[in-house]
């Protein structure tokens, strides 16, 4: 199961550019696997912190499909920072605020959430 955070600031969304198992490079919401003993909300907070540097507060569940939980979250503290020393971040190329109107960056899994 996966938990991810949807963070919006004006017309921009916090995204990570990463390699995915199907071989593509995509922009995706920060998130990842739920560890044993974690709730989806706890995993969301941990993953957003690990991948972006931001501490977030989970506000509500936005979307749940095929064992993927997407939460609306808001930044409480921190600065944007991609920690490449974390082994789990080896698939991440970049972290950035991306325009919500830049539809060419969204894949078929992300786009339905934004529409």
N, C-alpha and C. Protein backbone atom coordinates (compact mmCIF):
# COMPACT_ATOMS: atom_id res chain seq x y z
N UNK A 1 0.84 -1.18 0.00
CA UNK A 1 0.00 0.00 0.00
C UNK A 1 0.89 1.24 0.00
N UNK A 2 0.35 2.29 -0.60
CA UNK A 2 1.09 3.54 -0.77
C UNK A 2 0.29 4.69 -0.18
N UNK A 3 1.00 5.65 0.42
CA UNK A 3 0.38 6.88 0.90
C UNK A 3 1.16 8.05 0.30
N UNK A 4 0.43 9.06 -0.15
CA UNK A 4 1.08 10.22 -0.75
C UNK A 4 0.36 11.49 -0.35
N UNK A 5 1.09 12.62 -0.45
CA UNK A 5 0.53 13.90 -0.05
C UNK A 5 0.33 14.83 -1.22
N UNK A 6 -0.82 15.47 -1.25
CA UNK A 6 -1.15 16.49 -2.26
C UNK A 6 -1.02 17.84 -1.57
N UNK A 7 0.00 18.61 -1.96
CA UNK A 7 0.28 19.91 -1.38
C UNK A 7 0.12 20.96 -2.47
N UNK A 8 -0.78 21.90 -2.26
CA UNK A 8 -1.01 22.94 -3.26
C UNK A 8 -0.69 24.30 -2.65
N UNK A 9 -0.08 25.15 -3.47
CA UNK A 9 0.25 26.51 -3.06
C UNK A 9 -0.09 27.42 -4.23
N UNK A 10 -1.24 28.08 -4.16
CA UNK A 10 -1.70 28.89 -5.29
C UNK A 10 -2.01 28.00 -6.47
N UNK A 11 -1.31 28.20 -7.58
CA UNK A 11 -1.54 27.38 -8.78
C UNK A 11 -0.43 26.35 -8.97
N UNK A 12 0.30 26.05 -7.91
CA UNK A 12 1.39 25.09 -8.00
C UNK A 12 1.18 23.93 -7.03
N UNK A 13 1.68 22.76 -7.44
CA UNK A 13 1.58 21.54 -6.66
C UNK A 13 2.99 21.04 -6.37
N UNK A 14 3.22 20.58 -5.15
CA UNK A 14 4.52 20.02 -4.78
C UNK A 14 4.64 18.62 -5.38
N UNK A 15 5.67 18.42 -6.21
CA UNK A 15 5.83 17.16 -6.93
C UNK A 15 7.28 16.68 -6.85
N UNK A 16 7.44 15.37 -7.04
CA UNK A 16 8.76 14.78 -7.18
C UNK A 16 8.86 14.15 -8.57
N UNK A 17 9.99 14.35 -9.20
CA UNK A 17 10.27 13.73 -10.50
C UNK A 17 11.04 12.46 -10.21
N UNK A 18 10.51 11.31 -10.69
CA UNK A 18 11.13 10.06 -10.30
C UNK A 18 11.01 8.99 -11.38
N UNK A 19 11.91 8.01 -11.26
CA UNK A 19 11.82 6.81 -12.06
C UNK A 19 10.77 5.91 -11.42
N UNK A 20 9.92 5.27 -12.22
CA UNK A 20 8.92 4.35 -11.68
C UNK A 20 9.15 2.95 -12.25
N UNK A 21 8.54 1.95 -11.62
CA UNK A 21 8.78 0.55 -11.98
C UNK A 21 8.47 0.25 -13.43
N UNK A 22 7.51 0.94 -14.01
CA UNK A 22 7.17 0.65 -15.40
C UNK A 22 8.17 1.24 -16.39
N UNK A 23 9.27 1.83 -15.88
CA UNK A 23 10.35 2.30 -16.72
C UNK A 23 10.28 3.75 -17.14
N UNK A 24 9.24 4.44 -16.75
CA UNK A 24 9.07 5.83 -17.14
C UNK A 24 9.69 6.77 -16.11
N UNK A 25 9.86 8.03 -16.51
CA UNK A 25 10.21 9.11 -15.59
C UNK A 25 8.99 10.01 -15.54
N UNK A 26 8.44 10.20 -14.34
CA UNK A 26 7.20 10.97 -14.20
C UNK A 26 7.31 11.96 -13.05
N UNK A 27 6.41 12.93 -13.05
CA UNK A 27 6.19 13.79 -11.89
C UNK A 27 5.07 13.16 -11.09
N UNK A 28 5.26 13.04 -9.80
CA UNK A 28 4.29 12.38 -8.94
C UNK A 28 4.19 13.13 -7.62
N UNK A 29 3.12 12.89 -6.89
CA UNK A 29 3.01 13.45 -5.55
C UNK A 29 4.03 12.76 -4.65
N UNK A 30 4.62 13.46 -3.69
CA UNK A 30 5.54 12.80 -2.77
C UNK A 30 4.82 11.74 -1.96
N UNK A 31 5.42 10.57 -1.87
CA UNK A 31 4.79 9.48 -1.13
C UNK A 31 5.53 8.19 -1.35
N UNK A 32 5.03 7.14 -0.71
CA UNK A 32 5.67 5.84 -0.85
C UNK A 32 4.99 4.79 0.00
N UNK A 33 5.69 3.71 0.21
CA UNK A 33 5.13 2.55 0.88
C UNK A 33 4.81 2.78 2.35
N UNK A 34 3.73 2.13 2.78
CA UNK A 34 3.33 2.17 4.18
C UNK A 34 4.08 1.05 4.90
N UNK A 35 4.83 1.42 5.92
CA UNK A 35 5.63 0.44 6.66
C UNK A 35 4.78 -0.27 7.70
N UNK A 36 5.24 -1.45 8.10
CA UNK A 36 4.52 -2.24 9.11
C UNK A 36 4.33 -1.41 10.38
N UNK A 37 3.10 -1.40 10.88
CA UNK A 37 2.77 -0.66 12.09
C UNK A 37 2.38 0.79 11.86
N UNK A 38 2.52 1.28 10.63
CA UNK A 38 2.16 2.66 10.31
C UNK A 38 0.73 2.74 9.81
N UNK A 39 0.08 3.84 10.11
CA UNK A 39 -1.20 4.14 9.47
C UNK A 39 -0.88 4.82 8.13
N UNK A 40 -1.83 4.85 7.20
CA UNK A 40 -1.59 5.58 5.96
C UNK A 40 -1.25 7.05 6.20
N UNK A 41 -1.89 7.68 7.19
CA UNK A 41 -1.61 9.08 7.50
C UNK A 41 -0.17 9.27 7.98
N UNK A 42 0.29 8.38 8.85
CA UNK A 42 1.67 8.46 9.34
C UNK A 42 2.66 8.27 8.20
N UNK A 43 2.38 7.32 7.33
CA UNK A 43 3.26 7.07 6.18
C UNK A 43 3.31 8.28 5.27
N UNK A 44 2.17 8.92 5.05
CA UNK A 44 2.12 10.11 4.21
C UNK A 44 3.04 11.19 4.77
N UNK A 45 2.92 11.47 6.05
CA UNK A 45 3.75 12.50 6.68
C UNK A 45 5.23 12.16 6.58
N UNK A 46 5.58 10.90 6.84
CA UNK A 46 6.98 10.47 6.78
C UNK A 46 7.53 10.59 5.37
N UNK A 47 6.77 10.10 4.40
CA UNK A 47 7.23 10.11 3.01
C UNK A 47 7.40 11.53 2.48
N UNK A 48 6.45 12.41 2.77
CA UNK A 48 6.58 13.79 2.31
C UNK A 48 7.84 14.42 2.91
N UNK A 49 8.08 14.18 4.18
CA UNK A 49 9.29 14.71 4.85
C UNK A 49 10.55 14.15 4.20
N UNK A 50 10.60 12.84 3.98
CA UNK A 50 11.79 12.21 3.41
C UNK A 50 12.08 12.71 2.00
N UNK A 51 11.04 12.92 1.21
CA UNK A 51 11.22 13.24 -0.21
C UNK A 51 11.31 14.73 -0.50
N UNK A 52 10.78 15.58 0.39
CA UNK A 52 10.74 17.01 0.09
C UNK A 52 11.38 17.90 1.15
N UNK A 53 11.56 17.39 2.37
CA UNK A 53 12.08 18.21 3.46
C UNK A 53 11.02 18.90 4.28
N UNK A 54 9.77 18.83 3.85
CA UNK A 54 8.69 19.53 4.55
C UNK A 54 8.00 18.64 5.58
N UNK A 55 7.73 19.23 6.76
CA UNK A 55 6.84 18.60 7.74
C UNK A 55 5.43 19.03 7.38
N UNK A 56 4.52 18.07 7.31
CA UNK A 56 3.15 18.39 6.90
C UNK A 56 2.13 17.89 7.90
N UNK A 57 0.97 18.50 7.82
CA UNK A 57 -0.20 18.08 8.60
C UNK A 57 -1.19 17.48 7.61
N UNK A 58 -1.70 16.30 7.92
CA UNK A 58 -2.70 15.65 7.07
C UNK A 58 -4.06 16.25 7.37
N UNK A 59 -4.71 16.79 6.33
CA UNK A 59 -6.03 17.40 6.51
C UNK A 59 -7.17 16.43 6.24
N UNK A 60 -7.14 15.78 5.06
CA UNK A 60 -8.21 14.82 4.76
C UNK A 60 -7.82 13.93 3.61
N UNK A 61 -8.51 12.80 3.52
CA UNK A 61 -8.30 11.86 2.42
C UNK A 61 -8.93 12.44 1.16
N UNK A 62 -8.13 12.58 0.11
CA UNK A 62 -8.60 13.12 -1.16
C UNK A 62 -9.05 12.01 -2.09
N UNK A 63 -8.30 10.91 -2.10
CA UNK A 63 -8.52 9.87 -3.11
C UNK A 63 -7.97 8.55 -2.58
N UNK A 64 -8.69 7.47 -2.83
CA UNK A 64 -8.23 6.14 -2.44
C UNK A 64 -8.59 5.19 -3.57
N UNK A 65 -7.57 4.62 -4.19
CA UNK A 65 -7.79 3.71 -5.31
C UNK A 65 -6.68 2.67 -5.36
N UNK A 66 -7.06 1.43 -5.42
CA UNK A 66 -6.09 0.33 -5.54
C UNK A 66 -4.96 0.42 -4.52
N UNK A 67 -5.32 0.54 -3.27
CA UNK A 67 -4.33 0.58 -2.18
C UNK A 67 -3.40 1.79 -2.23
N UNK A 68 -3.83 2.87 -2.87
CA UNK A 68 -3.07 4.12 -2.87
C UNK A 68 -3.93 5.18 -2.19
N UNK A 69 -3.42 5.71 -1.09
CA UNK A 69 -4.11 6.76 -0.34
C UNK A 69 -3.48 8.10 -0.68
N UNK A 70 -4.28 9.05 -1.15
CA UNK A 70 -3.80 10.39 -1.44
C UNK A 70 -4.48 11.36 -0.49
N UNK A 71 -3.67 12.06 0.29
CA UNK A 71 -4.18 12.98 1.30
C UNK A 71 -3.90 14.43 0.91
N UNK A 72 -4.83 15.31 1.23
CA UNK A 72 -4.57 16.74 1.16
C UNK A 72 -3.79 17.08 2.42
N UNK A 73 -2.62 17.66 2.24
CA UNK A 73 -1.77 18.01 3.38
C UNK A 73 -1.35 19.47 3.26
N UNK A 74 -0.96 20.05 4.39
CA UNK A 74 -0.44 21.41 4.37
C UNK A 74 0.91 21.45 5.07
N UNK A 75 1.77 22.31 4.58
CA UNK A 75 3.11 22.43 5.13
C UNK A 75 3.04 23.14 6.48
N UNK A 76 3.69 22.53 7.47
CA UNK A 76 3.78 23.14 8.80
C UNK A 76 5.16 23.74 9.06
N UNK A 77 6.20 23.11 8.49
CA UNK A 77 7.56 23.55 8.76
C UNK A 77 8.50 22.92 7.73
N UNK A 78 9.72 23.40 7.72
CA UNK A 78 10.75 22.81 6.88
C UNK A 78 11.04 23.63 5.64
N UNK A 79 12.03 23.18 4.90
CA UNK A 79 12.43 23.79 3.64
C UNK A 79 12.57 22.70 2.59
N UNK A 80 12.32 23.07 1.33
CA UNK A 80 12.43 22.09 0.26
C UNK A 80 13.86 21.57 0.20
N UNK A 81 13.98 20.24 0.29
CA UNK A 81 15.29 19.60 0.29
C UNK A 81 15.11 18.14 -0.09
N UNK A 82 15.84 17.70 -1.10
CA UNK A 82 15.83 16.30 -1.51
C UNK A 82 17.05 15.62 -0.90
N UNK A 83 16.82 14.75 0.06
CA UNK A 83 17.90 14.05 0.75
C UNK A 83 18.31 12.82 -0.07
N UNK A 84 19.34 12.98 -0.89
CA UNK A 84 19.81 11.89 -1.75
C UNK A 84 20.60 10.83 -0.97
N UNK A 85 20.89 11.10 0.31
CA UNK A 85 21.59 10.10 1.12
C UNK A 85 20.66 8.99 1.58
N UNK A 86 19.35 9.24 1.54
CA UNK A 86 18.39 8.20 1.89
C UNK A 86 18.28 7.22 0.73
N UNK A 87 18.51 5.96 1.00
CA UNK A 87 18.46 4.94 -0.05
C UNK A 87 17.10 4.92 -0.75
N UNK A 88 16.03 5.15 0.01
CA UNK A 88 14.68 5.14 -0.57
C UNK A 88 14.46 6.28 -1.57
N UNK A 89 15.34 7.27 -1.59
CA UNK A 89 15.20 8.40 -2.52
C UNK A 89 16.02 8.22 -3.79
N UNK A 90 16.62 7.06 -4.00
CA UNK A 90 17.46 6.85 -5.18
C UNK A 90 16.69 6.99 -6.49
N UNK A 91 15.38 6.78 -6.45
CA UNK A 91 14.57 6.88 -7.67
C UNK A 91 14.12 8.31 -7.95
N UNK A 92 14.38 9.23 -7.04
CA UNK A 92 13.91 10.61 -7.20
C UNK A 92 14.99 11.46 -7.85
N UNK A 93 14.59 12.19 -8.88
CA UNK A 93 15.50 13.04 -9.64
C UNK A 93 15.44 14.48 -9.15
N UNK A 94 14.22 14.94 -8.81
CA UNK A 94 14.03 16.35 -8.46
C UNK A 94 12.78 16.51 -7.62
N UNK A 95 12.69 17.60 -6.89
CA UNK A 95 11.48 17.99 -6.18
C UNK A 95 11.24 19.46 -6.52
N UNK A 96 9.98 19.81 -6.83
CA UNK A 96 9.70 21.17 -7.29
C UNK A 96 8.22 21.50 -7.13
N UNK A 97 7.95 22.81 -7.16
CA UNK A 97 6.58 23.29 -7.26
C UNK A 97 6.26 23.37 -8.74
N UNK A 98 5.27 22.62 -9.19
CA UNK A 98 4.92 22.50 -10.61
C UNK A 98 3.54 23.10 -10.84
N UNK A 99 3.39 23.86 -11.91
CA UNK A 99 2.11 24.48 -12.23
C UNK A 99 1.03 23.43 -12.43
N UNK A 100 -0.11 23.64 -11.80
CA UNK A 100 -1.23 22.70 -11.92
C UNK A 100 -1.76 22.66 -13.36
N UNK A 101 -1.48 23.70 -14.14
CA UNK A 101 -1.94 23.75 -15.53
C UNK A 101 -1.00 23.05 -16.50
N UNK A 102 0.15 22.61 -16.04
CA UNK A 102 1.14 21.97 -16.90
C UNK A 102 0.80 20.48 -17.06
N UNK A 103 -0.30 20.20 -17.76
CA UNK A 103 -0.85 18.84 -17.87
C UNK A 103 0.11 17.84 -18.50
N UNK A 104 1.06 18.28 -19.31
CA UNK A 104 1.97 17.34 -19.95
C UNK A 104 2.88 16.63 -18.94
N UNK A 105 2.98 17.17 -17.74
CA UNK A 105 3.81 16.54 -16.72
C UNK A 105 3.08 15.46 -15.95
N UNK A 106 1.76 15.41 -16.05
CA UNK A 106 0.99 14.45 -15.27
C UNK A 106 0.83 13.14 -16.04
N UNK A 107 0.97 12.02 -15.35
CA UNK A 107 0.74 10.73 -15.98
C UNK A 107 -0.71 10.30 -15.77
N UNK A 108 -1.07 9.13 -16.27
CA UNK A 108 -2.46 8.65 -16.20
C UNK A 108 -2.93 8.34 -14.79
N UNK A 109 -2.01 8.19 -13.85
CA UNK A 109 -2.38 7.92 -12.47
C UNK A 109 -2.59 9.21 -11.68
N UNK A 110 -1.86 10.26 -12.04
CA UNK A 110 -1.93 11.54 -11.33
C UNK A 110 -3.02 12.44 -11.89
N UNK A 111 -3.19 12.47 -13.19
CA UNK A 111 -4.12 13.40 -13.83
C UNK A 111 -5.55 13.30 -13.32
N UNK A 112 -6.13 12.11 -13.11
CA UNK A 112 -7.51 12.06 -12.61
C UNK A 112 -7.71 12.75 -11.26
N UNK A 113 -6.69 12.77 -10.43
CA UNK A 113 -6.79 13.43 -9.13
C UNK A 113 -6.83 14.94 -9.30
N UNK A 114 -6.10 15.44 -10.30
CA UNK A 114 -6.04 16.89 -10.52
C UNK A 114 -7.25 17.42 -11.25
N UNK A 115 -7.93 16.57 -12.00
CA UNK A 115 -9.10 17.04 -12.77
C UNK A 115 -10.33 17.16 -11.96
